[in-house]
Amino acid sequence: MHAGQDPGPPQPFMHPGFHLGSGDEVRTVLDRVRADGVKIIEHDDDADGVSFKCVDPDGHRSEVYWEA
């Protein structure tokens, strides 16, 4: 892509991610965003990691995660 070109809509797999220090921190944030009515589109919670993806009101995806 060259400067000035429209990149088009973002691809579904491209999103900002926020790495937290523990699974409990991710669960705390997840509880908060759920309480605020944020749409959760994916959630994983196992021994290898805890993560969730959500969508903001404009349709942008974000991920919050922790990996063992």
Protein backbone atom coordinates (compact mmCIF):
# COMPACT_ATOMS: atom_id res chain seq x y z
CA MET A 1 0.00 0.00 0.00
CA HIS A 2 1.15 3.51 -0.77
CA ALA A 3 0.63 6.66 1.26
CA GLY A 4 -2.71 8.26 0.55
CA GLN A 5 -4.41 5.05 -0.56
CA ASP A 6 -7.59 4.00 1.22
CA PRO A 7 -6.83 0.74 3.05
CA GLY A 8 -10.49 -0.27 2.94
CA PRO A 9 -12.39 -1.81 5.82
CA PRO A 10 -10.36 -3.57 8.53
CA GLN A 11 -10.12 -7.32 8.22
CA PRO A 12 -11.94 -9.35 10.90
CA PHE A 13 -8.71 -10.93 12.17
CA MET A 14 -6.99 -7.58 12.69
CA HIS A 15 -7.73 -5.99 16.04
CA PRO A 16 -5.95 -4.36 18.96
CA GLY A 17 -5.10 -6.64 21.86
CA PHE A 18 -4.42 -5.87 25.49
CA HIS A 19 -2.19 -8.32 27.39
CA LEU A 20 -2.88 -8.43 31.12
CA GLY A 21 -0.80 -9.90 33.94
CA SER A 22 -3.10 -12.76 34.96
CA GLY A 23 -6.23 -14.66 34.09
CA ASP A 24 -7.96 -13.10 37.08
CA GLU A 25 -7.30 -9.62 35.68
CA VAL A 26 -8.89 -10.65 32.37
CA ARG A 27 -11.91 -12.09 34.20
CA THR A 28 -12.29 -8.83 36.15
CA VAL A 29 -12.28 -6.76 32.95
CA LEU A 30 -14.68 -9.23 31.31
CA ASP A 31 -17.11 -8.87 34.21
CA ARG A 32 -16.89 -5.09 33.91
CA VAL A 33 -17.49 -4.91 30.16
CA ARG A 34 -20.37 -7.39 30.41
CA ALA A 35 -21.93 -5.25 33.16
CA ASP A 36 -21.58 -2.23 30.86
CA GLY A 37 -23.46 -4.08 28.09
CA VAL A 38 -20.53 -4.56 25.73
CA LYS A 39 -21.08 -7.32 23.16
CA ILE A 40 -18.72 -10.27 23.79
CA ILE A 41 -18.07 -12.25 20.60
CA GLU A 42 -15.55 -14.80 21.89
CA HIS A 43 -14.45 -16.02 25.31
CA ASP A 44 -11.89 -18.68 26.28
CA ASP A 45 -10.86 -19.65 29.80
CA ASP A 46 -8.56 -22.61 30.37
CA ALA A 47 -5.18 -23.51 31.89
CA ASP A 48 -3.26 -22.08 28.91
CA GLY A 49 -4.91 -18.68 28.92
CA VAL A 50 -7.90 -16.47 29.40
CA SER A 51 -9.18 -14.16 26.71
CA PHE A 52 -12.19 -12.45 25.27
CA LYS A 53 -13.00 -10.40 22.22
CA CYS A 54 -15.60 -7.68 22.20
CA VAL A 55 -17.10 -5.17 19.78
CA ASP A 56 -17.47 -1.46 20.43
CA PRO A 57 -20.53 0.52 19.26
CA ASP A 58 -18.78 1.32 15.96
CA GLY A 59 -18.11 -2.37 15.24
CA HIS A 60 -14.38 -2.37 16.08
CA ARG A 61 -13.09 -5.58 17.66
CA SER A 62 -10.69 -5.65 20.62
CA GLU A 63 -9.15 -8.51 22.57
CA VAL A 64 -8.11 -8.73 26.21
CA TYR A 65 -5.94 -11.73 27.06
CA TRP A 66 -3.44 -13.49 29.29
CA GLU A 67 -1.36 -16.50 28.24
CA ALA A 68 0.41 -18.95 30.53
